[in-house]
Amino acid sequence: MKKIAVFASGSGTNFQAINDAIKDGKLEAQINLLVCDRKGAMCIKRAETENIPAFVFTAKEYRDKASYEEVILQKLREQEIEFIVLAGYMRLIGPSLLSAFQGRIVNIHPSLLPAFQGKDAIGQALAAKAVKTGVTVHYIDEGMDTGPVIDQVEVVIDKGDTKEMLEEKIHAIEHQLYPAVLQKLFHSEAVIEGKTQQQL
């Protein structure tokens, strides 16, 4: 059972979808910690409802990114976290977390990366009059939405789609795709670890 931390900044719908998949037996994992950088965010209330510990911080109260990431690292170690799942976390991950969790941080982004990187990807797609966009799950690296792609699903932008309508389409895909991709990732890791142990 993979012990994970979910990082979120907003409503936490992907946090909820991941936790629901765990409860339904579709994802073999356990959310041991929510990390949130916005006091009062809805994701915190979701964690409280599910009795999941939350670490909530305000970045400006720390000297720099390294300072608050060291505190986050301490919280992750206390909960024996093995994998970080970003779900609407609106901050770039810094060197401290990247080095401690190399290859074990993933993110979900509402576009077909590398198209429409960064904030408001849905608004970017509409402004560009794109005929399609999508959802991407990818590994995190030093850049903004630049890490290796794990999986993508295309979403057609219909004529007349408003931002709210497109958000609804994308969220529906996200809530199915993310838990499924995580399950595959965790299962493949277990298989690799098993082979390594057998060879030893």
N, C-alpha and C. Protein backbone atom coordinates (compact mmCIF):
# COMPACT_ATOMS: atom_id res chain seq x y z
N MET A 1 0.85 -1.19 0.00
CA MET A 1 0.00 0.00 0.00
C MET A 1 0.88 1.24 0.00
N LYS A 2 0.88 1.98 -1.09
CA LYS A 2 1.74 3.15 -1.23
C LYS A 2 1.23 4.30 -0.35
N LYS A 3 2.11 4.86 0.46
CA LYS A 3 1.77 5.99 1.31
C LYS A 3 2.05 7.27 0.54
N ILE A 4 1.00 8.05 0.27
CA ILE A 4 1.16 9.23 -0.58
C ILE A 4 0.75 10.51 0.16
N ALA A 5 1.30 11.61 -0.32
CA ALA A 5 0.87 12.94 0.10
C ALA A 5 0.29 13.63 -1.11
N VAL A 6 -0.85 14.27 -0.95
CA VAL A 6 -1.47 15.05 -2.02
C VAL A 6 -1.24 16.53 -1.72
N PHE A 7 -0.72 17.24 -2.71
CA PHE A 7 -0.51 18.69 -2.59
C PHE A 7 -1.62 19.39 -3.38
N ALA A 8 -2.33 20.31 -2.76
CA ALA A 8 -3.42 21.02 -3.44
C ALA A 8 -3.50 22.45 -2.93
N SER A 9 -4.09 23.32 -3.75
CA SER A 9 -4.23 24.73 -3.37
C SER A 9 -5.67 25.21 -3.38
N GLY A 10 -6.58 24.43 -3.96
CA GLY A 10 -7.93 24.94 -4.17
C GLY A 10 -9.04 24.03 -3.66
N SER A 11 -9.98 23.74 -4.55
CA SER A 11 -11.19 23.02 -4.15
C SER A 11 -10.94 21.55 -3.81
N GLY A 12 -9.91 20.96 -4.39
CA GLY A 12 -9.56 19.60 -4.02
C GLY A 12 -10.41 18.52 -4.67
N THR A 13 -10.94 18.78 -5.86
CA THR A 13 -11.77 17.75 -6.51
C THR A 13 -10.94 16.53 -6.91
N ASN A 14 -9.69 16.75 -7.33
CA ASN A 14 -8.83 15.60 -7.66
C ASN A 14 -8.39 14.87 -6.39
N PHE A 15 -8.15 15.61 -5.32
CA PHE A 15 -7.89 14.98 -4.02
C PHE A 15 -9.04 14.04 -3.67
N GLN A 16 -10.27 14.53 -3.83
CA GLN A 16 -11.45 13.73 -3.51
C GLN A 16 -11.56 12.51 -4.42
N ALA A 17 -11.30 12.72 -5.71
CA ALA A 17 -11.40 11.61 -6.67
C ALA A 17 -10.38 10.52 -6.34
N ILE A 18 -9.18 10.92 -5.94
CA ILE A 18 -8.15 9.94 -5.57
C ILE A 18 -8.57 9.19 -4.31
N ASN A 19 -9.07 9.91 -3.32
CA ASN A 19 -9.48 9.26 -2.09
C ASN A 19 -10.67 8.33 -2.32
N ASP A 20 -11.60 8.75 -3.18
CA ASP A 20 -12.76 7.90 -3.50
C ASP A 20 -12.31 6.62 -4.20
N ALA A 21 -11.33 6.74 -5.09
CA ALA A 21 -10.81 5.56 -5.79
C ALA A 21 -10.15 4.59 -4.80
N ILE A 22 -9.49 5.13 -3.80
CA ILE A 22 -8.88 4.30 -2.75
C ILE A 22 -9.97 3.55 -1.98
N LYS A 23 -11.01 4.28 -1.60
CA LYS A 23 -12.10 3.67 -0.83
C LYS A 23 -12.85 2.62 -1.65
N ASP A 24 -12.90 2.83 -2.96
CA ASP A 24 -13.59 1.89 -3.85
C ASP A 24 -12.72 0.70 -4.24
N GLY A 25 -11.46 0.69 -3.79
CA GLY A 25 -10.57 -0.41 -4.09
C GLY A 25 -9.95 -0.34 -5.48
N LYS A 26 -10.06 0.81 -6.14
CA LYS A 26 -9.50 0.97 -7.48
C LYS A 26 -8.05 1.47 -7.46
N LEU A 27 -7.64 2.01 -6.32
CA LEU A 27 -6.28 2.53 -6.18
C LEU A 27 -5.68 2.00 -4.88
N GLU A 28 -4.61 1.23 -5.02
CA GLU A 28 -3.97 0.65 -3.85
C GLU A 28 -2.96 1.66 -3.27
N ALA A 29 -3.48 2.53 -2.46
CA ALA A 29 -2.66 3.58 -1.85
C ALA A 29 -3.37 4.09 -0.61
N GLN A 30 -2.68 4.95 0.10
CA GLN A 30 -3.24 5.57 1.30
C GLN A 30 -2.77 7.01 1.35
N ILE A 31 -3.72 7.95 1.43
CA ILE A 31 -3.34 9.36 1.57
C ILE A 31 -3.04 9.61 3.04
N ASN A 32 -1.77 9.81 3.33
CA ASN A 32 -1.35 10.04 4.72
C ASN A 32 -1.23 11.51 5.06
N LEU A 33 -1.26 12.37 4.02
CA LEU A 33 -1.09 13.80 4.30
C LEU A 33 -1.59 14.64 3.12
N LEU A 34 -2.28 15.72 3.45
CA LEU A 34 -2.58 16.78 2.50
C LEU A 34 -1.66 17.95 2.80
N VAL A 35 -1.03 18.50 1.77
CA VAL A 35 -0.23 19.72 1.91
C VAL A 35 -0.93 20.81 1.12
N CYS A 36 -1.22 21.92 1.79
CA CYS A 36 -1.95 23.03 1.14
C CYS A 36 -1.30 24.36 1.50
N ASP A 37 -1.19 25.23 0.51
CA ASP A 37 -0.56 26.54 0.71
C ASP A 37 -1.57 27.67 0.81
N ARG A 38 -2.85 27.34 1.01
CA ARG A 38 -3.87 28.39 1.10
C ARG A 38 -4.82 28.09 2.24
N LYS A 39 -4.74 28.89 3.29
CA LYS A 39 -5.65 28.72 4.42
C LYS A 39 -7.09 28.94 3.96
N GLY A 40 -7.97 28.06 4.41
CA GLY A 40 -9.37 28.19 4.05
C GLY A 40 -9.76 27.51 2.76
N ALA A 41 -8.81 26.89 2.07
CA ALA A 41 -9.12 26.20 0.81
C ALA A 41 -10.05 25.02 1.07
N MET A 42 -10.90 24.73 0.11
CA MET A 42 -11.89 23.66 0.25
C MET A 42 -11.24 22.29 0.43
N CYS A 43 -10.06 22.10 -0.14
CA CYS A 43 -9.38 20.81 -0.01
C CYS A 43 -9.09 20.47 1.45
N ILE A 44 -8.88 21.48 2.29
CA ILE A 44 -8.62 21.26 3.71
C ILE A 44 -9.85 20.67 4.38
N LYS A 45 -11.01 21.21 4.04
CA LYS A 45 -12.26 20.69 4.61
C LYS A 45 -12.50 19.26 4.14
N ARG A 46 -12.15 18.97 2.89
CA ARG A 46 -12.30 17.60 2.39
C ARG A 46 -11.41 16.64 3.19
N ALA A 47 -10.18 17.06 3.47
CA ALA A 47 -9.27 16.22 4.25
C ALA A 47 -9.80 16.00 5.66
N GLU A 48 -10.33 17.05 6.28
CA GLU A 48 -10.90 16.92 7.62
C GLU A 48 -12.05 15.92 7.63
N THR A 49 -12.90 15.99 6.62
CA THR A 49 -14.04 15.07 6.52
C THR A 49 -13.57 13.62 6.44
N GLU A 50 -12.44 13.41 5.76
CA GLU A 50 -11.91 12.06 5.58
C GLU A 50 -10.92 11.65 6.67
N ASN A 51 -10.76 12.53 7.68
CA ASN A 51 -9.81 12.27 8.78
C ASN A 51 -8.38 12.08 8.28
N ILE A 52 -8.01 12.88 7.27
CA ILE A 52 -6.65 12.85 6.72
C ILE A 52 -5.89 14.07 7.26
N PRO A 53 -4.72 13.87 7.86
CA PRO A 53 -3.94 15.00 8.39
C PRO A 53 -3.62 16.01 7.29
N ALA A 54 -3.59 17.28 7.65
CA ALA A 54 -3.26 18.33 6.69
C ALA A 54 -2.19 19.25 7.26
N PHE A 55 -1.23 19.59 6.41
CA PHE A 55 -0.26 20.63 6.76
C PHE A 55 -0.57 21.83 5.88
N VAL A 56 -0.95 22.92 6.52
CA VAL A 56 -1.34 24.14 5.81
C VAL A 56 -0.32 25.23 6.14
N PHE A 57 0.19 25.88 5.10
CA PHE A 57 1.20 26.91 5.32
C PHE A 57 0.94 28.12 4.42
N THR A 58 1.55 29.24 4.79
CA THR A 58 1.50 30.45 3.98
C THR A 58 2.93 30.78 3.57
N ALA A 59 3.21 30.74 2.29
CA ALA A 59 4.59 30.87 1.79
C ALA A 59 5.26 32.16 2.25
N LYS A 60 4.51 33.26 2.28
CA LYS A 60 5.12 34.55 2.61
C LYS A 60 5.56 34.65 4.06
N GLU A 61 5.15 33.69 4.88
CA GLU A 61 5.58 33.67 6.28
C GLU A 61 6.97 33.05 6.44
N TYR A 62 7.52 32.53 5.34
CA TYR A 62 8.85 31.91 5.36
C TYR A 62 9.84 32.78 4.59
N ARG A 63 11.10 32.61 4.91
CA ARG A 63 12.15 33.42 4.27
C ARG A 63 12.22 33.17 2.77
N ASP A 64 12.11 31.90 2.37
CA ASP A 64 12.18 31.54 0.96
C ASP A 64 11.60 30.14 0.76
N LYS A 65 11.59 29.69 -0.50
CA LYS A 65 11.04 28.39 -0.84
C LYS A 65 11.74 27.26 -0.09
N ALA A 66 13.06 27.34 -0.01
CA ALA A 66 13.83 26.29 0.67
C ALA A 66 13.38 26.15 2.13
N SER A 67 13.04 27.26 2.76
CA SER A 67 12.65 27.24 4.17
C SER A 67 11.34 26.48 4.38
N TYR A 68 10.32 26.80 3.59
CA TYR A 68 9.06 26.08 3.81
C TYR A 68 9.11 24.66 3.27
N GLU A 69 9.93 24.41 2.25
CA GLU A 69 10.03 23.03 1.75
C GLU A 69 10.75 22.13 2.76
N GLU A 70 11.65 22.68 3.55
CA GLU A 70 12.29 21.88 4.59
C GLU A 70 11.27 21.46 5.65
N VAL A 71 10.35 22.36 5.97
CA VAL A 71 9.28 22.03 6.91
C VAL A 71 8.37 20.97 6.31
N ILE A 72 8.03 21.12 5.02
CA ILE A 72 7.20 20.12 4.34
C ILE A 72 7.90 18.76 4.36
N LEU A 73 9.19 18.75 4.07
CA LEU A 73 9.96 17.49 4.09
C LEU A 73 9.87 16.81 5.45
N GLN A 74 9.95 17.59 6.50
CA GLN A 74 9.85 17.03 7.84
C GLN A 74 8.49 16.37 8.04
N LYS A 75 7.42 17.05 7.58
CA LYS A 75 6.07 16.49 7.70
C LYS A 75 5.93 15.21 6.87
N LEU A 76 6.54 15.19 5.68
CA LEU A 76 6.48 14.00 4.83
C LEU A 76 7.20 12.82 5.50
N ARG A 77 8.32 13.11 6.10
CA ARG A 77 9.07 12.04 6.80
C ARG A 77 8.28 11.50 7.99
N GLU A 78 7.64 12.41 8.71
CA GLU A 78 6.85 11.98 9.87
C GLU A 78 5.73 11.02 9.47
N GLN A 79 5.17 11.24 8.29
CA GLN A 79 4.07 10.40 7.80
C GLN A 79 4.57 9.25 6.91
N GLU A 80 5.89 9.12 6.80
CA GLU A 80 6.50 8.04 6.01
C GLU A 80 6.01 8.04 4.56
N ILE A 81 5.92 9.25 3.98
CA ILE A 81 5.42 9.40 2.62
C ILE A 81 6.41 8.83 1.61
N GLU A 82 5.88 8.08 0.64
CA GLU A 82 6.71 7.46 -0.40
C GLU A 82 6.55 8.14 -1.76
N PHE A 83 5.46 8.87 -1.95
CA PHE A 83 5.15 9.41 -3.28
C PHE A 83 4.34 10.69 -3.11
N ILE A 84 4.65 11.71 -3.92
CA ILE A 84 3.93 12.99 -3.88
C ILE A 84 3.05 13.12 -5.12
N VAL A 85 1.79 13.46 -4.89
CA VAL A 85 0.81 13.63 -5.97
C VAL A 85 0.32 15.08 -5.95
N LEU A 86 0.65 15.83 -6.99
CA LEU A 86 0.20 17.22 -7.09
C LEU A 86 -1.18 17.25 -7.74
N ALA A 87 -2.11 17.94 -7.07
CA ALA A 87 -3.49 17.98 -7.57
C ALA A 87 -4.02 19.40 -7.43
N GLY A 88 -3.62 20.25 -8.37
CA GLY A 88 -4.02 21.65 -8.30
C GLY A 88 -3.18 22.44 -7.31
N TYR A 89 -1.92 22.05 -7.17
CA TYR A 89 -0.98 22.77 -6.31
C TYR A 89 -0.33 23.85 -7.16
N MET A 90 -0.48 25.11 -6.74
CA MET A 90 -0.13 26.23 -7.61
C MET A 90 1.27 26.80 -7.36
N ARG A 91 2.17 25.96 -6.87
CA ARG A 91 3.55 26.40 -6.67
C ARG A 91 4.51 25.44 -7.35
N LEU A 92 5.59 26.00 -7.90
CA LEU A 92 6.64 25.14 -8.46
C LEU A 92 7.35 24.41 -7.33
N ILE A 93 7.65 23.15 -7.57
CA ILE A 93 8.39 22.36 -6.60
C ILE A 93 9.87 22.74 -6.68
N GLY A 94 10.48 22.97 -5.52
CA GLY A 94 11.87 23.40 -5.48
C GLY A 94 12.86 22.26 -5.33
N PRO A 95 14.15 22.60 -5.31
CA PRO A 95 15.22 21.58 -5.26
C PRO A 95 15.14 20.65 -4.05
N SER A 96 14.70 21.16 -2.91
CA SER A 96 14.66 20.32 -1.70
C SER A 96 13.75 19.12 -1.89
N LEU A 97 12.54 19.35 -2.36
CA LEU A 97 11.60 18.25 -2.57
C LEU A 97 11.98 17.42 -3.78
N LEU A 98 12.47 18.08 -4.84
CA LEU A 98 12.86 17.35 -6.05
C LEU A 98 13.96 16.33 -5.77
N SER A 99 14.93 16.72 -4.97
CA SER A 99 16.04 15.81 -4.69
C SER A 99 15.62 14.69 -3.75
N ALA A 100 14.76 15.01 -2.79
CA ALA A 100 14.32 13.99 -1.82
C ALA A 100 13.36 12.99 -2.43
N PHE A 101 12.59 13.43 -3.44
CA PHE A 101 11.58 12.56 -4.06
C PHE A 101 11.80 12.45 -5.57
N GLN A 102 13.03 12.30 -5.98
CA GLN A 102 13.35 12.22 -7.40
C GLN A 102 12.60 11.06 -8.05
N GLY A 103 11.86 11.38 -9.13
CA GLY A 103 11.11 10.35 -9.85
C GLY A 103 9.86 9.89 -9.12
N ARG A 104 9.51 10.58 -8.03
CA ARG A 104 8.35 10.17 -7.24
C ARG A 104 7.41 11.35 -6.96
N ILE A 105 7.37 12.28 -7.92
CA ILE A 105 6.41 13.39 -7.85
C ILE A 105 5.71 13.48 -9.20
N VAL A 106 4.39 13.45 -9.18
CA VAL A 106 3.63 13.56 -10.43
C VAL A 106 2.61 14.69 -10.32
N ASN A 107 2.16 15.16 -11.47
CA ASN A 107 1.22 16.26 -11.54
C ASN A 107 0.18 15.97 -12.61
N ILE A 108 -0.98 16.59 -12.47
CA ILE A 108 -2.00 16.53 -13.52
C ILE A 108 -2.23 17.95 -14.02
N HIS A 109 -2.30 18.09 -15.35
CA HIS A 109 -2.40 19.43 -15.96
C HIS A 109 -3.51 19.41 -17.02
N PRO A 110 -4.35 20.47 -17.05
CA PRO A 110 -5.50 20.48 -17.97
C PRO A 110 -5.18 20.96 -19.38
N SER A 111 -4.25 20.26 -20.03
CA SER A 111 -3.98 20.49 -21.45
C SER A 111 -3.22 19.28 -21.99
N LEU A 112 -3.01 19.27 -23.29
CA LEU A 112 -2.15 18.26 -23.90
C LEU A 112 -0.74 18.85 -23.95
N LEU A 113 -0.02 18.68 -22.87
CA LEU A 113 1.35 19.22 -22.84
C LEU A 113 2.17 18.67 -24.00
N PRO A 114 3.05 19.49 -24.59
CA PRO A 114 3.55 20.77 -24.08
C PRO A 114 2.69 21.99 -24.41
N ALA A 115 1.52 21.80 -24.97
CA ALA A 115 0.64 22.95 -25.26
C ALA A 115 0.06 23.51 -23.97
N PHE A 116 -0.06 24.82 -23.92
CA PHE A 116 -0.75 25.53 -22.84
C PHE A 116 -0.21 25.18 -21.45
N GLN A 117 1.08 25.42 -21.30
CA GLN A 117 1.72 25.22 -19.99
C GLN A 117 1.34 26.35 -19.05
N GLY A 118 1.56 26.13 -17.75
CA GLY A 118 1.37 27.20 -16.77
C GLY A 118 -0.07 27.39 -16.35
N LYS A 119 -0.33 28.59 -15.81
CA LYS A 119 -1.65 28.88 -15.24
C LYS A 119 -2.72 29.06 -16.31
N ASP A 120 -3.96 28.78 -15.91
CA ASP A 120 -5.15 28.97 -16.75
C ASP A 120 -5.00 28.32 -18.12
N ALA A 121 -4.63 27.06 -18.13
CA ALA A 121 -4.46 26.34 -19.40
C ALA A 121 -5.76 26.25 -20.18
N ILE A 122 -6.88 26.17 -19.47
CA ILE A 122 -8.18 26.10 -20.15
C ILE A 122 -8.49 27.43 -20.84
N GLY A 123 -8.24 28.53 -20.14
CA GLY A 123 -8.43 29.85 -20.74
C GLY A 123 -7.49 30.07 -21.92
N GLN A 124 -6.26 29.56 -21.80
CA GLN A 124 -5.31 29.68 -22.90
C GLN A 124 -5.81 28.96 -24.15
N ALA A 125 -6.35 27.76 -23.95
CA ALA A 125 -6.85 26.96 -25.08
C ALA A 125 -8.00 27.68 -25.78
N LEU A 126 -8.91 28.25 -25.02
CA LEU A 126 -10.05 28.97 -25.60
C LEU A 126 -9.58 30.24 -26.31
N ALA A 127 -8.64 30.96 -25.71
CA ALA A 127 -8.13 32.18 -26.33
C ALA A 127 -7.42 31.89 -27.64
N ALA A 128 -6.80 30.71 -27.73
CA ALA A 128 -6.09 30.31 -28.95
C ALA A 128 -7.03 29.73 -30.00
N LYS A 129 -8.32 29.63 -29.66
CA LYS A 129 -9.34 29.04 -30.55
C LYS A 129 -8.94 27.62 -30.97
N ALA A 130 -8.36 26.89 -30.02
CA ALA A 130 -7.97 25.50 -30.28
C ALA A 130 -9.21 24.64 -30.45
N VAL A 131 -9.08 23.60 -31.26
CA VAL A 131 -10.22 22.69 -31.48
C VAL A 131 -10.15 21.50 -30.51
N LYS A 132 -9.02 21.36 -29.85
CA LYS A 132 -8.92 20.30 -28.85
C LYS A 132 -7.92 20.71 -27.77
N THR A 133 -8.11 20.13 -26.62
CA THR A 133 -7.15 20.25 -25.53
C THR A 133 -7.14 18.89 -24.85
N GLY A 134 -6.91 18.84 -23.55
CA GLY A 134 -6.90 17.53 -22.92
C GLY A 134 -6.41 17.57 -21.50
N VAL A 135 -5.98 16.41 -21.04
CA VAL A 135 -5.46 16.24 -19.68
C VAL A 135 -4.16 15.46 -19.78
N THR A 136 -3.16 15.90 -19.04
CA THR A 136 -1.86 15.24 -19.04
C THR A 136 -1.44 14.91 -17.61
N VAL A 137 -0.98 13.69 -17.40
CA VAL A 137 -0.32 13.33 -16.14
C VAL A 137 1.17 13.21 -16.46
N HIS A 138 1.99 13.88 -15.68
CA HIS A 138 3.42 13.90 -15.99
C HIS A 138 4.27 13.94 -14.72
N TYR A 139 5.52 13.53 -14.86
CA TYR A 139 6.47 13.66 -13.77
C TYR A 139 6.88 15.12 -13.62
N ILE A 140 7.27 15.48 -12.41
CA ILE A 140 7.71 16.84 -12.12
C ILE A 140 9.23 16.95 -12.26
N ASP A 141 9.67 18.03 -12.91
CA ASP A 141 11.08 18.37 -12.93
C ASP A 141 11.23 19.83 -12.51
N GLU A 142 12.36 20.47 -12.85
CA GLU A 142 12.63 21.83 -12.39
C GLU A 142 11.75 22.87 -13.08
N GLY A 143 11.20 22.55 -14.25
CA GLY A 143 10.44 23.54 -15.01
C GLY A 143 8.96 23.57 -14.66
N MET A 144 8.22 24.41 -15.39
CA MET A 144 6.78 24.51 -15.21
C MET A 144 6.08 23.63 -16.24
N ASP A 145 5.56 22.50 -15.81
CA ASP A 145 4.84 21.57 -16.68
C ASP A 145 5.73 21.05 -17.81
N THR A 146 6.99 20.78 -17.48
CA THR A 146 7.95 20.33 -18.50
C THR A 146 8.43 18.90 -18.29
N GLY A 147 8.01 18.24 -17.24
CA GLY A 147 8.50 16.89 -16.95
C GLY A 147 7.96 15.86 -17.92
N PRO A 148 8.56 14.67 -17.96
CA PRO A 148 8.17 13.61 -18.88
C PRO A 148 6.69 13.23 -18.74
N VAL A 149 6.01 13.10 -19.88
CA VAL A 149 4.59 12.76 -19.91
C VAL A 149 4.41 11.27 -19.60
N ILE A 150 3.43 10.97 -18.74
CA ILE A 150 3.09 9.59 -18.41
C ILE A 150 1.89 9.14 -19.22
N ASP A 151 0.85 9.99 -19.27
CA ASP A 151 -0.36 9.64 -20.02
C ASP A 151 -1.11 10.92 -20.37
N GLN A 152 -1.87 10.85 -21.46
CA GLN A 152 -2.67 11.99 -21.91
C GLN A 152 -4.01 11.50 -22.45
N VAL A 153 -5.04 12.33 -22.28
CA VAL A 153 -6.35 12.07 -22.88
C VAL A 153 -6.81 13.35 -23.56
N GLU A 154 -7.26 13.21 -24.80
CA GLU A 154 -7.71 14.36 -25.58
C GLU A 154 -9.14 14.74 -25.21
N VAL A 155 -9.41 16.05 -25.21
CA VAL A 155 -10.75 16.58 -24.98
C VAL A 155 -11.08 17.53 -26.13
N VAL A 156 -12.17 17.26 -26.82
CA VAL A 156 -12.58 18.11 -27.95
C VAL A 156 -13.23 19.39 -27.42
N ILE A 157 -12.86 20.51 -28.02
CA ILE A 157 -13.49 21.79 -27.68
C ILE A 157 -14.58 22.06 -28.71
N ASP A 158 -15.82 21.96 -28.29
CA ASP A 158 -16.95 22.18 -29.19
C ASP A 158 -17.22 23.67 -29.36
N LYS A 159 -17.77 24.02 -30.53
CA LYS A 159 -18.16 25.42 -30.75
C LYS A 159 -19.20 25.80 -29.70
N GLY A 160 -19.00 26.95 -29.11
CA GLY A 160 -19.94 27.40 -28.09
C GLY A 160 -19.57 27.00 -26.68
N ASP A 161 -18.50 26.20 -26.53
CA ASP A 161 -18.05 25.83 -25.19
C ASP A 161 -17.61 27.07 -24.42
N THR A 162 -18.17 27.27 -23.25
CA THR A 162 -17.69 28.32 -22.36
C THR A 162 -16.55 27.75 -21.52
N LYS A 163 -15.88 28.62 -20.78
CA LYS A 163 -14.80 28.15 -19.92
C LYS A 163 -15.34 27.16 -18.89
N GLU A 164 -16.52 27.46 -18.34
CA GLU A 164 -17.11 26.58 -17.34
C GLU A 164 -17.45 25.22 -17.93
N MET A 165 -17.98 25.21 -19.16
CA MET A 165 -18.33 23.94 -19.82
C MET A 165 -17.08 23.09 -20.09
N LEU A 166 -16.02 23.75 -20.54
CA LEU A 166 -14.79 23.02 -20.83
C LEU A 166 -14.14 22.52 -19.54
N GLU A 167 -14.20 23.33 -18.49
CA GLU A 167 -13.68 22.90 -17.19
C GLU A 167 -14.40 21.63 -16.73
N GLU A 168 -15.70 21.60 -16.91
CA GLU A 168 -16.48 20.43 -16.49
C GLU A 168 -16.06 19.18 -17.26
N LYS A 169 -15.86 19.32 -18.57
CA LYS A 169 -15.40 18.18 -19.39
C LYS A 169 -14.04 17.68 -18.91
N ILE A 170 -13.15 18.63 -18.67
CA ILE A 170 -11.78 18.27 -18.28
C ILE A 170 -11.75 17.63 -16.90
N HIS A 171 -12.53 18.18 -15.97
CA HIS A 171 -12.56 17.60 -14.63
C HIS A 171 -13.08 16.17 -14.65
N ALA A 172 -14.07 15.91 -15.49
CA ALA A 172 -14.62 14.55 -15.59
C ALA A 172 -13.53 13.57 -16.02
N ILE A 173 -12.68 14.00 -16.97
CA ILE A 173 -11.57 13.15 -17.42
C ILE A 173 -10.52 13.00 -16.33
N GLU A 174 -10.17 14.12 -15.70
CA GLU A 174 -9.14 14.10 -14.65
C GLU A 174 -9.48 13.11 -13.54
N HIS A 175 -10.74 13.14 -13.11
CA HIS A 175 -11.14 12.33 -11.96
C HIS A 175 -11.10 10.83 -12.25
N GLN A 176 -11.15 10.47 -13.53
CA GLN A 176 -10.99 9.06 -13.92
C GLN A 176 -9.54 8.72 -14.21
N LEU A 177 -8.86 9.63 -14.93
CA LEU A 177 -7.50 9.35 -15.39
C LEU A 177 -6.48 9.29 -14.26
N TYR A 178 -6.53 10.24 -13.36
CA TYR A 178 -5.47 10.35 -12.35
C TYR A 178 -5.38 9.09 -11.46
N PRO A 179 -6.49 8.65 -10.86
CA PRO A 179 -6.38 7.43 -10.04
C PRO A 179 -5.92 6.22 -10.86
N ALA A 180 -6.37 6.12 -12.11
CA ALA A 180 -5.98 4.98 -12.95
C ALA A 180 -4.49 4.99 -13.26
N VAL A 181 -3.96 6.17 -13.56
CA VAL A 181 -2.53 6.29 -13.85
C VAL A 181 -1.71 6.00 -12.60
N LEU A 182 -2.15 6.50 -11.47
CA LEU A 182 -1.44 6.25 -10.22
C LEU A 182 -1.41 4.75 -9.91
N GLN A 183 -2.52 4.08 -10.12
CA GLN A 183 -2.55 2.64 -9.87
C GLN A 183 -1.54 1.90 -10.75
N LYS A 184 -1.47 2.30 -12.02
CA LYS A 184 -0.50 1.67 -12.94
C LYS A 184 0.93 1.96 -12.48
N LEU A 185 1.18 3.20 -12.09
CA LEU A 185 2.52 3.58 -11.63
C LEU A 185 2.93 2.76 -10.41
N PHE A 186 2.04 2.68 -9.44
CA PHE A 186 2.38 1.99 -8.20
C PHE A 186 2.52 0.49 -8.44
N HIS A 187 1.70 -0.06 -9.33
CA HIS A 187 1.77 -1.48 -9.64
C HIS A 187 3.07 -1.81 -10.36
N SER A 188 3.45 -0.96 -11.33
CA SER A 188 4.68 -1.22 -12.08
C SER A 188 5.90 -1.10 -11.18
N GLU A 189 5.85 -0.15 -10.21
CA GLU A 189 6.94 -0.03 -9.24
C GLU A 189 7.07 -1.30 -8.42
N ALA A 190 5.92 -1.86 -8.01
CA ALA A 190 5.94 -3.07 -7.19
C ALA A 190 6.53 -4.23 -7.98
N VAL A 191 6.18 -4.32 -9.27
CA VAL A 191 6.69 -5.39 -10.11
C VAL A 191 8.21 -5.27 -10.26
N ILE A 192 8.68 -4.03 -10.52
CA ILE A 192 10.11 -3.80 -10.67
C ILE A 192 10.85 -4.15 -9.38
N GLU A 193 10.30 -3.72 -8.26
CA GLU A 193 10.93 -4.01 -6.98
C GLU A 193 10.98 -5.52 -6.73
N GLY A 194 9.89 -6.22 -7.10
CA GLY A 194 9.83 -7.67 -6.93
C GLY A 194 10.90 -8.37 -7.74
N LYS A 195 11.09 -7.94 -8.99
CA LYS A 195 12.10 -8.55 -9.86
C LYS A 195 13.50 -8.31 -9.28
N THR A 196 13.71 -7.11 -8.78
CA THR A 196 15.01 -6.78 -8.21
C THR A 196 15.32 -7.69 -7.02
N GLN A 197 14.30 -7.88 -6.17
CA GLN A 197 14.50 -8.73 -5.00
C GLN A 197 14.79 -10.18 -5.42
N GLN A 198 14.10 -10.65 -6.45
CA GLN A 198 14.32 -12.02 -6.92
C GLN A 198 15.75 -12.18 -7.46
N GLN A 199 16.19 -11.17 -8.19
CA GLN A 199 17.53 -11.25 -8.76
C GLN A 199 18.60 -11.24 -7.68
N LEU A 200 18.30 -10.49 -6.59
CA LEU A 200 19.26 -10.45 -5.49
C LEU A 200 19.26 -11.78 -4.75
